[in-house]
mmCIF file of all heavy atoms, coordinates in Angstrom:
data_MODEL
# 
_entry.id   MODEL 
# 
loop_
_atom_site.group_PDB 
_atom_site.id 
_atom_site.type_symbol 
_atom_site.label_atom_id 
_atom_site.label_alt_id 
_atom_site.label_comp_id 
_atom_site.label_asym_id 
_atom_site.label_entity_id 
_atom_site.label_seq_id 
_atom_site.pdbx_PDB_ins_code 
_atom_site.Cartn_x 
_atom_site.Cartn_y 
_atom_site.Cartn_z 
_atom_site.occupancy 
_atom_site.B_iso_or_equiv 
_atom_site.pdbx_formal_charge 
_atom_site.auth_seq_id 
_atom_site.auth_comp_id 
_atom_site.auth_asym_id 
_atom_site.auth_atom_id 
_atom_site.pdbx_PDB_model_num 
ATOM 1   N N   . ASN A 1 1  ? 69.115 118.354 38.135 1.00 0.00 ? 1  ASN A N   1 
ATOM 2   C CA  . ASN A 1 1  ? 68.822 117.052 37.529 1.00 0.00 ? 1  ASN A CA  1 
ATOM 3   C C   . ASN A 1 1  ? 69.876 116.740 36.479 1.00 0.00 ? 1  ASN A C   1 
ATOM 4   O O   . ASN A 1 1  ? 70.160 117.562 35.615 1.00 0.00 ? 1  ASN A O   1 
ATOM 5   C CB  . ASN A 1 1  ? 67.445 117.054 36.863 1.00 0.00 ? 1  ASN A CB  1 
ATOM 6   C CG  . ASN A 1 1  ? 66.322 117.066 37.864 1.00 0.00 ? 1  ASN A CG  1 
ATOM 7   O OD1 . ASN A 1 1  ? 66.470 116.574 38.971 1.00 0.00 ? 1  ASN A OD1 1 
ATOM 8   N ND2 . ASN A 1 1  ? 65.200 117.636 37.479 1.00 0.00 ? 1  ASN A ND2 1 
ATOM 9   N N   . GLY A 1 2  ? 70.455 115.554 36.549 1.00 0.00 ? 2  GLY A N   1 
ATOM 10  C CA  . GLY A 1 2  ? 71.466 115.150 35.577 1.00 0.00 ? 2  GLY A CA  1 
ATOM 11  C C   . GLY A 1 2  ? 72.824 115.708 35.943 1.00 0.00 ? 2  GLY A C   1 
ATOM 12  O O   . GLY A 1 2  ? 72.974 116.516 36.861 1.00 0.00 ? 2  GLY A O   1 
ATOM 13  N N   . PHE A 1 3  ? 73.819 115.233 35.270 1.00 0.00 ? 3  PHE A N   1 
ATOM 14  C CA  . PHE A 1 3  ? 75.174 115.720 35.479 1.00 0.00 ? 3  PHE A CA  1 
ATOM 15  C C   . PHE A 1 3  ? 75.482 116.773 34.423 1.00 0.00 ? 3  PHE A C   1 
ATOM 16  O O   . PHE A 1 3  ? 74.721 116.977 33.490 1.00 0.00 ? 3  PHE A O   1 
ATOM 17  C CB  . PHE A 1 3  ? 76.173 114.561 35.387 1.00 0.00 ? 3  PHE A CB  1 
ATOM 18  C CG  . PHE A 1 3  ? 75.984 113.543 36.468 1.00 0.00 ? 3  PHE A CG  1 
ATOM 19  C CD1 . PHE A 1 3  ? 75.385 112.326 36.204 1.00 0.00 ? 3  PHE A CD1 1 
ATOM 20  C CD2 . PHE A 1 3  ? 76.404 113.805 37.769 1.00 0.00 ? 3  PHE A CD2 1 
ATOM 21  C CE1 . PHE A 1 3  ? 75.201 111.386 37.203 1.00 0.00 ? 3  PHE A CE1 1 
ATOM 22  C CE2 . PHE A 1 3  ? 76.228 112.871 38.781 1.00 0.00 ? 3  PHE A CE2 1 
ATOM 23  C CZ  . PHE A 1 3  ? 75.626 111.671 38.496 1.00 0.00 ? 3  PHE A CZ  1 
ATOM 24  N N   . ILE A 1 4  ? 76.620 117.430 34.532 1.00 0.00 ? 4  ILE A N   1 
ATOM 25  C CA  . ILE A 1 4  ? 76.982 118.517 33.614 1.00 0.00 ? 4  ILE A CA  1 
ATOM 26  C C   . ILE A 1 4  ? 76.923 118.041 32.169 1.00 0.00 ? 4  ILE A C   1 
ATOM 27  O O   . ILE A 1 4  ? 76.243 118.636 31.330 1.00 0.00 ? 4  ILE A O   1 
ATOM 28  C CB  . ILE A 1 4  ? 78.383 119.068 33.952 1.00 0.00 ? 4  ILE A CB  1 
ATOM 29  C CG1 . ILE A 1 4  ? 78.416 119.641 35.366 1.00 0.00 ? 4  ILE A CG1 1 
ATOM 30  C CG2 . ILE A 1 4  ? 78.809 120.113 32.925 1.00 0.00 ? 4  ILE A CG2 1 
ATOM 31  C CD1 . ILE A 1 4  ? 79.816 119.906 35.901 1.00 0.00 ? 4  ILE A CD1 1 
ATOM 32  N N   . ALA A 1 5  ? 77.632 116.967 31.866 1.00 0.00 ? 5  ALA A N   1 
ATOM 33  C CA  . ALA A 1 5  ? 77.687 116.490 30.480 1.00 0.00 ? 5  ALA A CA  1 
ATOM 34  C C   . ALA A 1 5  ? 76.312 116.055 29.986 1.00 0.00 ? 5  ALA A C   1 
ATOM 35  O O   . ALA A 1 5  ? 75.948 116.316 28.829 1.00 0.00 ? 5  ALA A O   1 
ATOM 36  C CB  . ALA A 1 5  ? 78.689 115.346 30.350 1.00 0.00 ? 5  ALA A CB  1 
ATOM 37  N N   . ASN A 1 6  ? 75.511 115.395 30.838 1.00 0.00 ? 6  ASN A N   1 
ATOM 38  C CA  . ASN A 1 6  ? 74.179 114.971 30.425 1.00 0.00 ? 6  ASN A CA  1 
ATOM 39  C C   . ASN A 1 6  ? 73.295 116.168 30.105 1.00 0.00 ? 6  ASN A C   1 
ATOM 40  O O   . ASN A 1 6  ? 72.526 116.149 29.136 1.00 0.00 ? 6  ASN A O   1 
ATOM 41  C CB  . ASN A 1 6  ? 73.509 114.123 31.509 1.00 0.00 ? 6  ASN A CB  1 
ATOM 42  C CG  . ASN A 1 6  ? 74.092 112.740 31.593 1.00 0.00 ? 6  ASN A CG  1 
ATOM 43  O OD1 . ASN A 1 6  ? 74.699 112.250 30.660 1.00 0.00 ? 6  ASN A OD1 1 
ATOM 44  N ND2 . ASN A 1 6  ? 73.919 112.106 32.739 1.00 0.00 ? 6  ASN A ND2 1 
ATOM 45  N N   . ARG A 1 7  ? 73.378 117.205 30.901 1.00 0.00 ? 7  ARG A N   1 
ATOM 46  C CA  . ARG A 1 7  ? 72.559 118.398 30.659 1.00 0.00 ? 7  ARG A CA  1 
ATOM 47  C C   . ARG A 1 7  ? 72.957 119.071 29.345 1.00 0.00 ? 7  ARG A C   1 
ATOM 48  O O   . ARG A 1 7  ? 72.108 119.474 28.566 1.00 0.00 ? 7  ARG A O   1 
ATOM 49  C CB  . ARG A 1 7  ? 72.682 119.371 31.828 1.00 0.00 ? 7  ARG A CB  1 
ATOM 50  C CG  . ARG A 1 7  ? 72.038 118.846 33.116 1.00 0.00 ? 7  ARG A CG  1 
ATOM 51  C CD  . ARG A 1 7  ? 72.133 119.863 34.232 1.00 0.00 ? 7  ARG A CD  1 
ATOM 52  N NE  . ARG A 1 7  ? 71.360 121.054 33.934 1.00 0.00 ? 7  ARG A NE  1 
ATOM 53  C CZ  . ARG A 1 7  ? 70.060 121.191 34.171 1.00 0.00 ? 7  ARG A CZ  1 
ATOM 54  N NH1 . ARG A 1 7  ? 69.372 120.202 34.717 1.00 0.00 ? 7  ARG A NH1 1 
ATOM 55  N NH2 . ARG A 1 7  ? 69.436 122.316 33.879 1.00 0.00 ? 7  ARG A NH2 1 
ATOM 56  N N   . LEU A 1 8  ? 74.262 119.178 29.115 1.00 0.00 ? 8  LEU A N   1 
ATOM 57  C CA  . LEU A 1 8  ? 74.726 119.787 27.873 1.00 0.00 ? 8  LEU A CA  1 
ATOM 58  C C   . LEU A 1 8  ? 74.298 118.943 26.664 1.00 0.00 ? 8  LEU A C   1 
ATOM 59  O O   . LEU A 1 8  ? 73.853 119.469 25.644 1.00 0.00 ? 8  LEU A O   1 
ATOM 60  C CB  . LEU A 1 8  ? 76.244 119.963 27.899 1.00 0.00 ? 8  LEU A CB  1 
ATOM 61  C CG  . LEU A 1 8  ? 76.755 120.973 28.931 1.00 0.00 ? 8  LEU A CG  1 
ATOM 62  C CD1 . LEU A 1 8  ? 78.268 120.879 29.052 1.00 0.00 ? 8  LEU A CD1 1 
ATOM 63  C CD2 . LEU A 1 8  ? 76.312 122.376 28.581 1.00 0.00 ? 8  LEU A CD2 1 
ATOM 64  N N   . MET A 1 9  ? 74.425 117.621 26.783 1.00 0.00 ? 9  MET A N   1 
ATOM 65  C CA  . MET A 1 9  ? 74.038 116.735 25.693 1.00 0.00 ? 9  MET A CA  1 
ATOM 66  C C   . MET A 1 9  ? 72.544 116.820 25.417 1.00 0.00 ? 9  MET A C   1 
ATOM 67  O O   . MET A 1 9  ? 72.120 116.813 24.260 1.00 0.00 ? 9  MET A O   1 
ATOM 68  C CB  . MET A 1 9  ? 74.448 115.288 26.021 1.00 0.00 ? 9  MET A CB  1 
ATOM 69  C CG  . MET A 1 9  ? 74.198 114.324 24.904 1.00 0.00 ? 9  MET A CG  1 
ATOM 70  S SD  . MET A 1 9  ? 75.211 114.734 23.465 1.00 0.00 ? 9  MET A SD  1 
ATOM 71  C CE  . MET A 1 9  ? 74.218 113.995 22.197 1.00 0.00 ? 9  MET A CE  1 
ATOM 72  N N   . HIS A 1 10 ? 71.734 116.923 26.464 1.00 0.00 ? 10 HIS A N   1 
ATOM 73  C CA  . HIS A 1 10 ? 70.292 117.011 26.252 1.00 0.00 ? 10 HIS A CA  1 
ATOM 74  C C   . HIS A 1 10 ? 69.896 118.325 25.564 1.00 0.00 ? 10 HIS A C   1 
ATOM 75  O O   . HIS A 1 10 ? 68.941 118.353 24.786 1.00 0.00 ? 10 HIS A O   1 
ATOM 76  C CB  . HIS A 1 10 ? 69.541 116.828 27.570 1.00 0.00 ? 10 HIS A CB  1 
ATOM 77  C CG  . HIS A 1 10 ? 69.346 115.394 27.918 1.00 0.00 ? 10 HIS A CG  1 
ATOM 78  N ND1 . HIS A 1 10 ? 70.331 114.637 28.509 1.00 0.00 ? 10 HIS A ND1 1 
ATOM 79  C CD2 . HIS A 1 10 ? 68.305 114.557 27.735 1.00 0.00 ? 10 HIS A CD2 1 
ATOM 80  C CE1 . HIS A 1 10 ? 69.899 113.412 28.682 1.00 0.00 ? 10 HIS A CE1 1 
ATOM 81  N NE2 . HIS A 1 10 ? 68.672 113.326 28.215 1.00 0.00 ? 10 HIS A NE2 1 
ATOM 82  N N   . ALA A 1 11 ? 70.615 119.402 25.842 1.00 0.00 ? 11 ALA A N   1 
ATOM 83  C CA  . ALA A 1 11 ? 70.331 120.664 25.148 1.00 0.00 ? 11 ALA A CA  1 
ATOM 84  C C   . ALA A 1 11 ? 70.600 120.506 23.652 1.00 0.00 ? 11 ALA A C   1 
ATOM 85  O O   . ALA A 1 11 ? 69.810 120.945 22.807 1.00 0.00 ? 11 ALA A O   1 
ATOM 86  C CB  . ALA A 1 11 ? 71.164 121.797 25.742 1.00 0.00 ? 11 ALA A CB  1 
ATOM 87  N N   . LEU A 1 12 ? 71.711 119.883 23.318 1.00 0.00 ? 12 LEU A N   1 
ATOM 88  C CA  . LEU A 1 12 ? 72.043 119.607 21.921 1.00 0.00 ? 12 LEU A CA  1 
ATOM 89  C C   . LEU A 1 12 ? 71.000 118.692 21.301 1.00 0.00 ? 12 LEU A C   1 
ATOM 90  O O   . LEU A 1 12 ? 70.508 118.924 20.193 1.00 0.00 ? 12 LEU A O   1 
ATOM 91  C CB  . LEU A 1 12 ? 73.428 118.965 21.840 1.00 0.00 ? 12 LEU A CB  1 
ATOM 92  C CG  . LEU A 1 12 ? 73.813 118.291 20.535 1.00 0.00 ? 12 LEU A CG  1 
ATOM 93  C CD1 . LEU A 1 12 ? 73.917 119.304 19.419 1.00 0.00 ? 12 LEU A CD1 1 
ATOM 94  C CD2 . LEU A 1 12 ? 75.113 117.532 20.706 1.00 0.00 ? 12 LEU A CD2 1 
ATOM 95  N N   . TRP A 1 13 ? 70.638 117.629 22.010 1.00 0.00 ? 13 TRP A N   1 
ATOM 96  C CA  . TRP A 1 13 ? 69.675 116.652 21.505 1.00 0.00 ? 13 TRP A CA  1 
ATOM 97  C C   . TRP A 1 13 ? 68.310 117.296 21.285 1.00 0.00 ? 13 TRP A C   1 
ATOM 98  O O   . TRP A 1 13 ? 67.631 117.041 20.292 1.00 0.00 ? 13 TRP A O   1 
ATOM 99  C CB  . TRP A 1 13 ? 69.600 115.497 22.499 1.00 0.00 ? 13 TRP A CB  1 
ATOM 100 C CG  . TRP A 1 13 ? 68.781 114.323 22.092 1.00 0.00 ? 13 TRP A CG  1 
ATOM 101 C CD1 . TRP A 1 13 ? 67.840 113.711 22.863 1.00 0.00 ? 13 TRP A CD1 1 
ATOM 102 C CD2 . TRP A 1 13 ? 68.823 113.573 20.870 1.00 0.00 ? 13 TRP A CD2 1 
ATOM 103 N NE1 . TRP A 1 13 ? 67.296 112.648 22.188 1.00 0.00 ? 13 TRP A NE1 1 
ATOM 104 C CE2 . TRP A 1 13 ? 67.883 112.542 20.956 1.00 0.00 ? 13 TRP A CE2 1 
ATOM 105 C CE3 . TRP A 1 13 ? 69.564 113.698 19.702 1.00 0.00 ? 13 TRP A CE3 1 
ATOM 106 C CZ2 . TRP A 1 13 ? 67.653 111.631 19.933 1.00 0.00 ? 13 TRP A CZ2 1 
ATOM 107 C CZ3 . TRP A 1 13 ? 69.348 112.792 18.677 1.00 0.00 ? 13 TRP A CZ3 1 
ATOM 108 C CH2 . TRP A 1 13 ? 68.407 111.777 18.798 1.00 0.00 ? 13 TRP A CH2 1 
ATOM 109 N N   . ARG A 1 14 ? 67.891 118.168 22.208 1.00 0.00 ? 14 ARG A N   1 
ATOM 110 C CA  . ARG A 1 14 ? 66.606 118.861 22.055 1.00 0.00 ? 14 ARG A CA  1 
ATOM 111 C C   . ARG A 1 14 ? 66.581 119.664 20.759 1.00 0.00 ? 14 ARG A C   1 
ATOM 112 O O   . ARG A 1 14 ? 65.609 119.637 20.013 1.00 0.00 ? 14 ARG A O   1 
ATOM 113 C CB  . ARG A 1 14 ? 66.346 119.779 23.251 1.00 0.00 ? 14 ARG A CB  1 
ATOM 114 C CG  . ARG A 1 14 ? 65.047 120.584 23.088 1.00 0.00 ? 14 ARG A CG  1 
ATOM 115 C CD  . ARG A 1 14 ? 64.759 121.484 24.252 1.00 0.00 ? 14 ARG A CD  1 
ATOM 116 N NE  . ARG A 1 14 ? 65.801 122.477 24.408 1.00 0.00 ? 14 ARG A NE  1 
ATOM 117 C CZ  . ARG A 1 14 ? 65.924 123.262 25.469 1.00 0.00 ? 14 ARG A CZ  1 
ATOM 118 N NH1 . ARG A 1 14 ? 65.085 123.146 26.482 1.00 0.00 ? 14 ARG A NH1 1 
ATOM 119 N NH2 . ARG A 1 14 ? 66.881 124.151 25.526 1.00 0.00 ? 14 ARG A NH2 1 
ATOM 120 N N   . GLU A 1 15 ? 67.660 120.356 20.470 1.00 0.00 ? 15 GLU A N   1 
ATOM 121 C CA  . GLU A 1 15 ? 67.690 121.172 19.245 1.00 0.00 ? 15 GLU A CA  1 
ATOM 122 C C   . GLU A 1 15 ? 67.696 120.290 18.006 1.00 0.00 ? 15 GLU A C   1 
ATOM 123 O O   . GLU A 1 15 ? 67.052 120.613 17.014 1.00 0.00 ? 15 GLU A O   1 
ATOM 124 C CB  . GLU A 1 15 ? 68.892 122.120 19.258 1.00 0.00 ? 15 GLU A CB  1 
ATOM 125 C CG  . GLU A 1 15 ? 68.880 123.124 18.131 1.00 0.00 ? 15 GLU A CG  1 
ATOM 126 C CD  . GLU A 1 15 ? 67.692 124.086 18.137 1.00 0.00 ? 15 GLU A CD  1 
ATOM 127 O OE1 . GLU A 1 15 ? 66.985 124.206 19.172 1.00 0.00 ? 15 GLU A OE1 1 
ATOM 128 O OE2 . GLU A 1 15 ? 67.452 124.725 17.100 1.00 0.00 ? 15 GLU A OE2 1 
ATOM 129 N N   . GLU A 1 16 ? 68.417 119.160 18.034 1.00 0.00 ? 16 GLU A N   1 
ATOM 130 C CA  . GLU A 1 16 ? 68.395 118.260 16.879 1.00 0.00 ? 16 GLU A CA  1 
ATOM 131 C C   . GLU A 1 16 ? 66.987 117.715 16.664 1.00 0.00 ? 16 GLU A C   1 
ATOM 132 O O   . GLU A 1 16 ? 66.501 117.677 15.535 1.00 0.00 ? 16 GLU A O   1 
ATOM 133 C CB  . GLU A 1 16 ? 69.388 117.113 17.038 1.00 0.00 ? 16 GLU A CB  1 
ATOM 134 C CG  . GLU A 1 16 ? 69.392 116.207 15.822 1.00 0.00 ? 16 GLU A CG  1 
ATOM 135 C CD  . GLU A 1 16 ? 70.562 115.247 15.748 1.00 0.00 ? 16 GLU A CD  1 
ATOM 136 O OE1 . GLU A 1 16 ? 71.618 115.512 16.352 1.00 0.00 ? 16 GLU A OE1 1 
ATOM 137 O OE2 . GLU A 1 16 ? 70.419 114.238 15.065 1.00 0.00 ? 16 GLU A OE2 1 
ATOM 138 N N   . ILE A 1 17 ? 66.314 117.298 17.726 1.00 0.00 ? 17 ILE A N   1 
ATOM 139 C CA  . ILE A 1 17 ? 64.939 116.802 17.605 1.00 0.00 ? 17 ILE A CA  1 
ATOM 140 C C   . ILE A 1 17 ? 64.058 117.874 16.987 1.00 0.00 ? 17 ILE A C   1 
ATOM 141 O O   . ILE A 1 17 ? 63.279 117.605 16.072 1.00 0.00 ? 17 ILE A O   1 
ATOM 142 C CB  . ILE A 1 17 ? 64.398 116.359 18.975 1.00 0.00 ? 17 ILE A CB  1 
ATOM 143 C CG1 . ILE A 1 17 ? 65.114 115.097 19.455 1.00 0.00 ? 17 ILE A CG1 1 
ATOM 144 C CG2 . ILE A 1 17 ? 62.883 116.129 18.918 1.00 0.00 ? 17 ILE A CG2 1 
ATOM 145 C CD1 . ILE A 1 17 ? 64.816 114.718 20.894 1.00 0.00 ? 17 ILE A CD1 1 
ATOM 146 N N   . ALA A 1 18 ? 64.166 119.110 17.469 1.00 0.00 ? 18 ALA A N   1 
ATOM 147 C CA  . ALA A 1 18 ? 63.342 120.201 16.950 1.00 0.00 ? 18 ALA A CA  1 
ATOM 148 C C   . ALA A 1 18 ? 63.620 120.446 15.466 1.00 0.00 ? 18 ALA A C   1 
ATOM 149 O O   . ALA A 1 18 ? 62.690 120.580 14.664 1.00 0.00 ? 18 ALA A O   1 
ATOM 150 C CB  . ALA A 1 18 ? 63.588 121.480 17.758 1.00 0.00 ? 18 ALA A CB  1 
ATOM 151 N N   . LEU A 1 19 ? 64.895 120.503 15.087 1.00 0.00 ? 19 LEU A N   1 
ATOM 152 C CA  . LEU A 1 19 ? 65.238 120.750 13.679 1.00 0.00 ? 19 LEU A CA  1 
ATOM 153 C C   . LEU A 1 19 ? 64.700 119.655 12.771 1.00 0.00 ? 19 LEU A C   1 
ATOM 154 O O   . LEU A 1 19 ? 64.160 119.930 11.689 1.00 0.00 ? 19 LEU A O   1 
ATOM 155 C CB  . LEU A 1 19 ? 66.755 120.875 13.514 1.00 0.00 ? 19 LEU A CB  1 
ATOM 156 C CG  . LEU A 1 19 ? 67.400 122.111 14.124 1.00 0.00 ? 19 LEU A CG  1 
ATOM 157 C CD1 . LEU A 1 19 ? 68.922 121.985 14.097 1.00 0.00 ? 19 LEU A CD1 1 
ATOM 158 C CD2 . LEU A 1 19 ? 66.951 123.372 13.403 1.00 0.00 ? 19 LEU A CD2 1 
ATOM 159 N N   . VAL A 1 20 ? 64.814 118.403 13.204 1.00 0.00 ? 20 VAL A N   1 
ATOM 160 C CA  . VAL A 1 20 ? 64.341 117.279 12.388 1.00 0.00 ? 20 VAL A CA  1 
ATOM 161 C C   . VAL A 1 20 ? 62.817 117.286 12.325 1.00 0.00 ? 20 VAL A C   1 
ATOM 162 O O   . VAL A 1 20 ? 62.231 117.149 11.241 1.00 0.00 ? 20 VAL A O   1 
ATOM 163 C CB  . VAL A 1 20 ? 64.889 115.939 12.932 1.00 0.00 ? 20 VAL A CB  1 
ATOM 164 C CG1 . VAL A 1 20 ? 64.247 114.752 12.222 1.00 0.00 ? 20 VAL A CG1 1 
ATOM 165 C CG2 . VAL A 1 20 ? 66.413 115.888 12.773 1.00 0.00 ? 20 VAL A CG2 1 
ATOM 166 N N   . CYS A 1 21 ? 62.150 117.474 13.460 1.00 0.00 ? 21 CYS A N   1 
ATOM 167 C CA  . CYS A 1 21 ? 60.683 117.482 13.477 1.00 0.00 ? 21 CYS A CA  1 
ATOM 168 C C   . CYS A 1 21 ? 60.099 118.642 12.673 1.00 0.00 ? 21 CYS A C   1 
ATOM 169 O O   . CYS A 1 21 ? 59.035 118.501 12.071 1.00 0.00 ? 21 CYS A O   1 
ATOM 170 C CB  . CYS A 1 21 ? 60.168 117.534 14.917 1.00 0.00 ? 21 CYS A CB  1 
ATOM 171 S SG  . CYS A 1 21 ? 60.334 115.977 15.801 1.00 0.00 ? 21 CYS A SG  1 
ATOM 172 N N   . GLU A 1 22 ? 60.797 119.773 12.648 1.00 0.00 ? 22 GLU A N   1 
ATOM 173 C CA  . GLU A 1 22 ? 60.332 120.929 11.877 1.00 0.00 ? 22 GLU A CA  1 
ATOM 174 C C   . GLU A 1 22 ? 60.656 120.794 10.392 1.00 0.00 ? 22 GLU A C   1 
ATOM 175 O O   . GLU A 1 22 ? 60.279 121.645 9.593  1.00 0.00 ? 22 GLU A O   1 
ATOM 176 C CB  . GLU A 1 22 ? 60.962 122.212 12.425 1.00 0.00 ? 22 GLU A CB  1 
ATOM 177 C CG  . GLU A 1 22 ? 60.483 122.581 13.813 1.00 0.00 ? 22 GLU A CG  1 
ATOM 178 C CD  . GLU A 1 22 ? 61.289 123.717 14.429 1.00 0.00 ? 22 GLU A CD  1 
ATOM 179 O OE1 . GLU A 1 22 ? 62.032 124.417 13.699 1.00 0.00 ? 22 GLU A OE1 1 
ATOM 180 O OE2 . GLU A 1 22 ? 61.200 123.888 15.662 1.00 0.00 ? 22 GLU A OE2 1 
ATOM 181 N N   . GLY A 1 23 ? 61.399 119.742 10.002 1.00 0.00 ? 23 GLY A N   1 
ATOM 182 C CA  . GLY A 1 23 ? 61.749 119.549 8.603  1.00 0.00 ? 23 GLY A CA  1 
ATOM 183 C C   . GLY A 1 23 ? 62.899 120.423 8.134  1.00 0.00 ? 23 GLY A C   1 
ATOM 184 O O   . GLY A 1 23 ? 63.151 120.541 6.935  1.00 0.00 ? 23 GLY A O   1 
ATOM 185 N N   . VAL A 1 24 ? 63.607 121.045 9.070  1.00 0.00 ? 24 VAL A N   1 
ATOM 186 C CA  . VAL A 1 24 ? 64.733 121.915 8.721  1.00 0.00 ? 24 VAL A CA  1 
ATOM 187 C C   . VAL A 1 24 ? 65.852 121.094 8.092  1.00 0.00 ? 24 VAL A C   1 
ATOM 188 O O   . VAL A 1 24 ? 66.498 121.526 7.136  1.00 0.00 ? 24 VAL A O   1 
ATOM 189 C CB  . VAL A 1 24 ? 65.239 122.679 9.960  1.00 0.00 ? 24 VAL A CB  1 
ATOM 190 C CG1 . VAL A 1 24 ? 66.507 123.464 9.655  1.00 0.00 ? 24 VAL A CG1 1 
ATOM 191 C CG2 . VAL A 1 24 ? 64.147 123.599 10.493 1.00 0.00 ? 24 VAL A CG2 1 
ATOM 192 N N   . CYS A 1 25 ? 66.071 119.887 8.624  1.00 0.00 ? 25 CYS A N   1 
ATOM 193 C CA  . CYS A 1 25 ? 67.122 119.017 8.111  1.00 0.00 ? 25 CYS A CA  1 
ATOM 194 C C   . CYS A 1 25 ? 66.794 117.578 8.490  1.00 0.00 ? 25 CYS A C   1 
ATOM 195 O O   . CYS A 1 25 ? 65.918 117.336 9.326  1.00 0.00 ? 25 CYS A O   1 
ATOM 196 C CB  . CYS A 1 25 ? 68.495 119.416 8.656  1.00 0.00 ? 25 CYS A CB  1 
ATOM 197 S SG  . CYS A 1 25 ? 68.632 119.290 10.457 1.00 0.00 ? 25 CYS A SG  1 
ATOM 198 N N   . SER A 1 26 ? 67.534 116.662 7.908  1.00 0.00 ? 26 SER A N   1 
ATOM 199 C CA  . SER A 1 26 ? 67.391 115.264 8.287  1.00 0.00 ? 26 SER A CA  1 
ATOM 200 C C   . SER A 1 26 ? 68.249 115.006 9.525  1.00 0.00 ? 26 SER A C   1 
ATOM 201 O O   . SER A 1 26 ? 69.135 115.794 9.867  1.00 0.00 ? 26 SER A O   1 
ATOM 202 C CB  . SER A 1 26 ? 67.847 114.346 7.151  1.00 0.00 ? 26 SER A CB  1 
ATOM 203 O OG  . SER A 1 26 ? 69.260 114.445 6.978  1.00 0.00 ? 26 SER A OG  1 
ATOM 204 N N   . MET A 1 27 ? 68.002 113.883 10.181 1.00 0.00 ? 27 MET A N   1 
ATOM 205 C CA  . MET A 1 27 ? 68.821 113.495 11.321 1.00 0.00 ? 27 MET A CA  1 
ATOM 206 C C   . MET A 1 27 ? 70.265 113.313 10.876 1.00 0.00 ? 27 MET A C   1 
ATOM 207 O O   . MET A 1 27 ? 71.198 113.717 11.566 1.00 0.00 ? 27 MET A O   1 
ATOM 208 C CB  . MET A 1 27 ? 68.285 112.203 11.938 1.00 0.00 ? 27 MET A CB  1 
ATOM 209 C CG  . MET A 1 27 ? 69.020 111.780 13.189 1.00 0.00 ? 27 MET A CG  1 
ATOM 210 S SD  . MET A 1 27 ? 68.394 110.230 13.859 1.00 0.00 ? 27 MET A SD  1 
ATOM 211 C CE  . MET A 1 27 ? 66.745 110.710 14.304 1.00 0.00 ? 27 MET A CE  1 
ATOM 212 N N   . GLU A 1 28 ? 70.454 112.721 9.696  1.00 0.00 ? 28 GLU A N   1 
ATOM 213 C CA  . GLU A 1 28 ? 71.809 112.508 9.180  1.00 0.00 ? 28 GLU A CA  1 
ATOM 214 C C   . GLU A 1 28 ? 72.524 113.836 8.970  1.00 0.00 ? 28 GLU A C   1 
ATOM 215 O O   . GLU A 1 28 ? 73.693 113.982 9.329  1.00 0.00 ? 28 GLU A O   1 
ATOM 216 C CB  . GLU A 1 28 ? 71.748 111.720 7.872  1.00 0.00 ? 28 GLU A CB  1 
ATOM 217 C CG  . GLU A 1 28 ? 73.100 111.417 7.280  1.00 0.00 ? 28 GLU A CG  1 
ATOM 218 C CD  . GLU A 1 28 ? 73.030 110.526 6.049  1.00 0.00 ? 28 GLU A CD  1 
ATOM 219 O OE1 . GLU A 1 28 ? 71.924 110.239 5.554  1.00 0.00 ? 28 GLU A OE1 1 
ATOM 220 O OE2 . GLU A 1 28 ? 74.102 110.123 5.586  1.00 0.00 ? 28 GLU A OE2 1 
ATOM 221 N N   . ASP A 1 29 ? 71.817 114.821 8.408  1.00 0.00 ? 29 ASP A N   1 
ATOM 222 C CA  . ASP A 1 29 ? 72.443 116.133 8.205  1.00 0.00 ? 29 ASP A CA  1 
ATOM 223 C C   . ASP A 1 29 ? 72.798 116.794 9.535  1.00 0.00 ? 29 ASP A C   1 
ATOM 224 O O   . ASP A 1 29 ? 73.865 117.396 9.673  1.00 0.00 ? 29 ASP A O   1 
ATOM 225 C CB  . ASP A 1 29 ? 71.530 117.048 7.386  1.00 0.00 ? 29 ASP A CB  1 
ATOM 226 C CG  . ASP A 1 29 ? 71.436 116.633 5.928  1.00 0.00 ? 29 ASP A CG  1 
ATOM 227 O OD1 . ASP A 1 29 ? 72.365 115.967 5.430  1.00 0.00 ? 29 ASP A OD1 1 
ATOM 228 O OD2 . ASP A 1 29 ? 70.424 116.975 5.286  1.00 0.00 ? 29 ASP A OD2 1 
# 
């Protein structure tokens, strides 16, 4: 599912969402 770049980007995006939702950092950080 998805292309190479999309899959890699979604892995990065998933971790950013998790960090922000857990209060580890802001989206800007």
